[in-house]
Amino acid sequence: MARKSQPKRDTFRHGNLPEALVDAALLRLEAEGVESISLRDLARDAGVNHRAVYRHFPDKLSLLALVAETGCMHLGERQKKLTSFHTPGASALIAG
């Protein structure tokens, strides 16, 4: 009797695993620095087995690239929020 293969899931039981791993990495970065980031620890922080990480990221560098991209987006959003009440120009840049 042949078994049907399970369809590949884009999410894990708690939601979006790539997002959860990035969030865990950002928390570790802020608290302990880049040296504190290991895929096993991030998997544990997200509540999954360490092998689940490799379904979304081939290696640590790939995950860190997404962490950097996410951090840049957060920085841009924060800059927009902090300068949104200023008129455009040099004064808005200085205020930010």
N, C-alpha and C. Protein backbone atom coordinates (compact mmCIF):
# COMPACT_ATOMS: atom_id res chain seq x y z
N MET A 1 0.84 -1.17 0.00
CA MET A 1 0.00 0.00 0.00
C MET A 1 0.89 1.24 0.00
N ALA A 2 0.75 2.09 -1.00
CA ALA A 2 1.55 3.30 -1.10
C ALA A 2 0.95 4.41 -0.25
N ARG A 3 1.83 5.14 0.41
CA ARG A 3 1.37 6.26 1.23
C ARG A 3 1.40 7.53 0.41
N LYS A 4 0.39 8.34 0.58
CA LYS A 4 0.38 9.64 -0.08
C LYS A 4 1.32 10.57 0.68
N SER A 5 2.09 11.33 -0.08
CA SER A 5 2.98 12.27 0.59
C SER A 5 2.18 13.47 1.08
N GLN A 6 2.62 14.01 2.19
CA GLN A 6 1.96 15.18 2.76
C GLN A 6 2.30 16.40 1.93
N PRO A 7 1.34 17.26 1.68
CA PRO A 7 1.64 18.49 0.94
C PRO A 7 2.58 19.37 1.76
N LYS A 8 3.47 20.08 1.07
CA LYS A 8 4.40 20.97 1.76
C LYS A 8 3.64 22.14 2.34
N ARG A 9 3.91 22.43 3.61
CA ARG A 9 3.23 23.53 4.28
C ARG A 9 4.11 24.77 4.24
N ASP A 10 3.50 25.94 4.13
CA ASP A 10 4.23 27.20 4.17
C ASP A 10 4.26 27.77 5.59
N THR A 11 3.49 27.20 6.47
CA THR A 11 3.43 27.68 7.84
C THR A 11 3.68 26.52 8.78
N PHE A 12 3.95 26.82 10.03
CA PHE A 12 4.04 25.77 11.03
C PHE A 12 2.88 25.94 11.99
N ARG A 13 2.78 25.08 12.95
CA ARG A 13 1.57 25.04 13.76
C ARG A 13 1.29 26.32 14.54
N HIS A 14 2.32 27.14 14.73
CA HIS A 14 2.11 28.38 15.48
C HIS A 14 1.97 29.60 14.58
N GLY A 15 2.04 29.42 13.27
CA GLY A 15 1.94 30.57 12.37
C GLY A 15 3.03 30.54 11.32
N ASN A 16 3.70 31.64 11.13
CA ASN A 16 4.70 31.80 10.09
C ASN A 16 6.09 31.58 10.68
N LEU A 17 6.71 30.45 10.38
CA LEU A 17 8.00 30.12 10.99
C LEU A 17 9.12 31.06 10.57
N PRO A 18 9.28 31.42 9.29
CA PRO A 18 10.35 32.37 8.98
C PRO A 18 10.24 33.67 9.76
N GLU A 19 9.03 34.18 9.88
CA GLU A 19 8.83 35.41 10.65
C GLU A 19 9.17 35.20 12.12
N ALA A 20 8.77 34.07 12.68
CA ALA A 20 9.06 33.78 14.09
C ALA A 20 10.57 33.67 14.32
N LEU A 21 11.29 33.08 13.37
CA LEU A 21 12.75 32.95 13.50
C LEU A 21 13.43 34.31 13.40
N VAL A 22 12.96 35.14 12.49
CA VAL A 22 13.52 36.49 12.37
C VAL A 22 13.26 37.29 13.64
N ASP A 23 12.04 37.20 14.17
CA ASP A 23 11.71 37.91 15.41
C ASP A 23 12.61 37.43 16.55
N ALA A 24 12.81 36.12 16.65
CA ALA A 24 13.68 35.58 17.69
C ALA A 24 15.11 36.07 17.51
N ALA A 25 15.57 36.13 16.28
CA ALA A 25 16.93 36.61 16.00
C ALA A 25 17.07 38.08 16.37
N LEU A 26 16.07 38.89 16.04
CA LEU A 26 16.13 40.31 16.39
C LEU A 26 16.18 40.51 17.90
N LEU A 27 15.42 39.72 18.64
CA LEU A 27 15.46 39.81 20.10
C LEU A 27 16.84 39.44 20.64
N ARG A 28 17.41 38.35 20.11
CA ARG A 28 18.74 37.94 20.56
C ARG A 28 19.79 38.97 20.19
N LEU A 29 19.70 39.53 18.99
CA LEU A 29 20.65 40.57 18.57
C LEU A 29 20.64 41.75 19.54
N GLU A 30 19.45 42.20 19.86
CA GLU A 30 19.32 43.35 20.75
C GLU A 30 19.84 43.03 22.15
N ALA A 31 19.54 41.86 22.64
CA ALA A 31 19.90 41.51 24.01
C ALA A 31 21.35 41.05 24.16
N GLU A 32 21.85 40.27 23.18
CA GLU A 32 23.14 39.61 23.39
C GLU A 32 24.14 39.76 22.25
N GLY A 33 23.74 40.37 21.13
CA GLY A 33 24.66 40.53 20.01
C GLY A 33 24.62 39.35 19.05
N VAL A 34 25.29 39.53 17.92
CA VAL A 34 25.23 38.56 16.84
C VAL A 34 25.84 37.20 17.24
N GLU A 35 26.78 37.22 18.15
CA GLU A 35 27.41 35.96 18.57
C GLU A 35 26.43 35.01 19.25
N SER A 36 25.33 35.55 19.73
CA SER A 36 24.34 34.73 20.45
C SER A 36 23.40 33.99 19.51
N ILE A 37 23.52 34.22 18.21
CA ILE A 37 22.57 33.63 17.27
C ILE A 37 23.07 32.28 16.76
N SER A 38 22.30 31.25 17.07
CA SER A 38 22.53 29.93 16.49
C SER A 38 21.18 29.42 16.00
N LEU A 39 21.21 28.64 14.95
CA LEU A 39 19.94 28.13 14.39
C LEU A 39 19.22 27.25 15.40
N ARG A 40 19.96 26.47 16.16
CA ARG A 40 19.32 25.60 17.18
C ARG A 40 18.61 26.44 18.24
N ASP A 41 19.29 27.49 18.71
CA ASP A 41 18.68 28.33 19.73
C ASP A 41 17.46 29.07 19.20
N LEU A 42 17.55 29.56 17.96
CA LEU A 42 16.40 30.26 17.38
C LEU A 42 15.23 29.32 17.20
N ALA A 43 15.51 28.09 16.79
CA ALA A 43 14.44 27.10 16.65
C ALA A 43 13.78 26.86 18.01
N ARG A 44 14.60 26.74 19.03
CA ARG A 44 14.06 26.53 20.38
C ARG A 44 13.21 27.73 20.79
N ASP A 45 13.71 28.94 20.52
CA ASP A 45 12.95 30.16 20.86
C ASP A 45 11.60 30.18 20.14
N ALA A 46 11.56 29.68 18.90
CA ALA A 46 10.33 29.67 18.11
C ALA A 46 9.44 28.48 18.44
N GLY A 47 9.95 27.54 19.23
CA GLY A 47 9.15 26.40 19.65
C GLY A 47 9.08 25.27 18.63
N VAL A 48 10.14 25.13 17.80
CA VAL A 48 10.17 24.07 16.81
C VAL A 48 11.48 23.29 16.90
N ASN A 49 11.50 22.15 16.26
CA ASN A 49 12.71 21.34 16.17
C ASN A 49 13.71 22.06 15.27
N HIS A 50 14.99 21.94 15.57
CA HIS A 50 16.01 22.66 14.79
C HIS A 50 16.01 22.27 13.32
N ARG A 51 15.54 21.09 12.98
CA ARG A 51 15.50 20.69 11.57
C ARG A 51 14.46 21.47 10.78
N ALA A 52 13.45 22.01 11.46
CA ALA A 52 12.40 22.77 10.78
C ALA A 52 12.96 24.06 10.17
N VAL A 53 14.02 24.59 10.74
CA VAL A 53 14.62 25.82 10.22
C VAL A 53 15.07 25.61 8.78
N TYR A 54 15.59 24.44 8.48
CA TYR A 54 16.16 24.17 7.16
C TYR A 54 15.10 24.00 6.06
N ARG A 55 13.84 23.98 6.44
CA ARG A 55 12.78 23.99 5.42
C ARG A 55 12.61 25.38 4.82
N HIS A 56 13.12 26.38 5.53
CA HIS A 56 12.95 27.77 5.10
C HIS A 56 14.27 28.48 4.80
N PHE A 57 15.34 28.04 5.44
CA PHE A 57 16.64 28.68 5.26
C PHE A 57 17.70 27.60 5.08
N PRO A 58 18.50 27.69 3.99
CA PRO A 58 19.51 26.66 3.78
C PRO A 58 20.65 26.73 4.79
N ASP A 59 20.87 27.92 5.37
CA ASP A 59 21.96 28.08 6.32
C ASP A 59 21.74 29.34 7.16
N LYS A 60 22.64 29.54 8.11
CA LYS A 60 22.54 30.68 9.02
C LYS A 60 22.68 32.01 8.27
N LEU A 61 23.55 32.06 7.28
CA LEU A 61 23.76 33.29 6.52
C LEU A 61 22.48 33.74 5.83
N SER A 62 21.71 32.81 5.30
CA SER A 62 20.44 33.14 4.65
C SER A 62 19.46 33.75 5.64
N LEU A 63 19.40 33.20 6.83
CA LEU A 63 18.53 33.75 7.86
C LEU A 63 19.00 35.14 8.28
N LEU A 64 20.30 35.30 8.46
CA LEU A 64 20.83 36.60 8.85
C LEU A 64 20.59 37.67 7.78
N ALA A 65 20.59 37.27 6.52
CA ALA A 65 20.30 38.22 5.44
C ALA A 65 18.88 38.75 5.58
N LEU A 66 17.94 37.86 5.89
CA LEU A 66 16.55 38.29 6.09
C LEU A 66 16.42 39.13 7.36
N VAL A 67 17.18 38.81 8.39
CA VAL A 67 17.18 39.60 9.62
C VAL A 67 17.67 41.02 9.31
N ALA A 68 18.74 41.14 8.51
CA ALA A 68 19.26 42.45 8.15
C ALA A 68 18.25 43.24 7.33
N GLU A 69 17.61 42.57 6.39
CA GLU A 69 16.59 43.23 5.57
C GLU A 69 15.44 43.72 6.43
N THR A 70 15.01 42.89 7.35
CA THR A 70 13.91 43.26 8.24
C THR A 70 14.31 44.43 9.13
N GLY A 71 15.53 44.40 9.65
CA GLY A 71 16.03 45.50 10.47
C GLY A 71 16.06 46.81 9.71
N CYS A 72 16.48 46.76 8.45
CA CYS A 72 16.51 47.98 7.62
C CYS A 72 15.10 48.51 7.39
N MET A 73 14.16 47.62 7.15
CA MET A 73 12.77 48.05 6.96
C MET A 73 12.23 48.71 8.23
N HIS A 74 12.53 48.11 9.39
CA HIS A 74 12.08 48.68 10.66
C HIS A 74 12.69 50.06 10.87
N LEU A 75 13.96 50.21 10.53
CA LEU A 75 14.63 51.51 10.66
C LEU A 75 13.96 52.55 9.78
N GLY A 76 13.66 52.19 8.54
CA GLY A 76 12.99 53.12 7.63
C GLY A 76 11.62 53.52 8.14
N GLU A 77 10.88 52.56 8.66
CA GLU A 77 9.55 52.86 9.21
C GLU A 77 9.66 53.80 10.41
N ARG A 78 10.67 53.55 11.23
CA ARG A 78 10.85 54.41 12.41
C ARG A 78 11.23 55.83 12.00
N GLN A 79 12.09 55.95 11.00
CA GLN A 79 12.48 57.27 10.51
C GLN A 79 11.27 58.02 9.95
N LYS A 80 10.44 57.32 9.20
CA LYS A 80 9.24 57.97 8.65
C LYS A 80 8.33 58.45 9.77
N LYS A 81 8.16 57.61 10.78
CA LYS A 81 7.28 57.98 11.89
C LYS A 81 7.83 59.19 12.64
N LEU A 82 9.14 59.20 12.88
CA LEU A 82 9.73 60.29 13.65
C LEU A 82 9.76 61.62 12.89
N THR A 83 9.77 61.56 11.57
CA THR A 83 9.86 62.79 10.79
C THR A 83 8.55 63.14 10.09
N SER A 84 7.51 62.39 10.31
CA SER A 84 6.25 62.61 9.58
C SER A 84 5.59 63.94 9.90
N PHE A 85 5.84 64.50 11.07
CA PHE A 85 5.19 65.76 11.43
C PHE A 85 6.04 66.97 11.05
N HIS A 86 7.23 66.76 10.51
CA HIS A 86 8.09 67.85 10.06
C HIS A 86 7.85 68.13 8.58
N THR A 87 8.06 69.35 8.17
CA THR A 87 7.99 69.67 6.76
C THR A 87 9.22 69.08 6.07
N PRO A 88 9.10 68.67 4.82
CA PRO A 88 10.23 68.07 4.12
C PRO A 88 11.41 69.03 4.05
N GLY A 89 12.61 68.47 4.06
CA GLY A 89 13.82 69.27 3.93
C GLY A 89 14.82 68.98 5.02
N ALA A 90 15.80 69.83 5.13
CA ALA A 90 16.90 69.62 6.06
C ALA A 90 16.43 69.55 7.51
N SER A 91 15.45 70.37 7.86
CA SER A 91 14.99 70.36 9.26
C SER A 91 14.41 69.01 9.65
N ALA A 92 13.75 68.33 8.72
CA ALA A 92 13.20 67.00 9.02
C ALA A 92 14.33 65.99 9.20
N LEU A 93 15.38 66.11 8.42
CA LEU A 93 16.52 65.19 8.57
C LEU A 93 17.23 65.41 9.89
N ILE A 94 17.39 66.64 10.27
CA ILE A 94 18.07 66.96 11.54
C ILE A 94 17.23 66.50 12.71
N ALA A 95 15.92 66.63 12.63
CA ALA A 95 15.02 66.22 13.71
C ALA A 95 15.00 64.72 13.91
N GLY A 96 15.18 63.94 12.81
CA GLY A 96 15.13 62.49 12.87
C GLY A 96 16.28 61.94 13.58
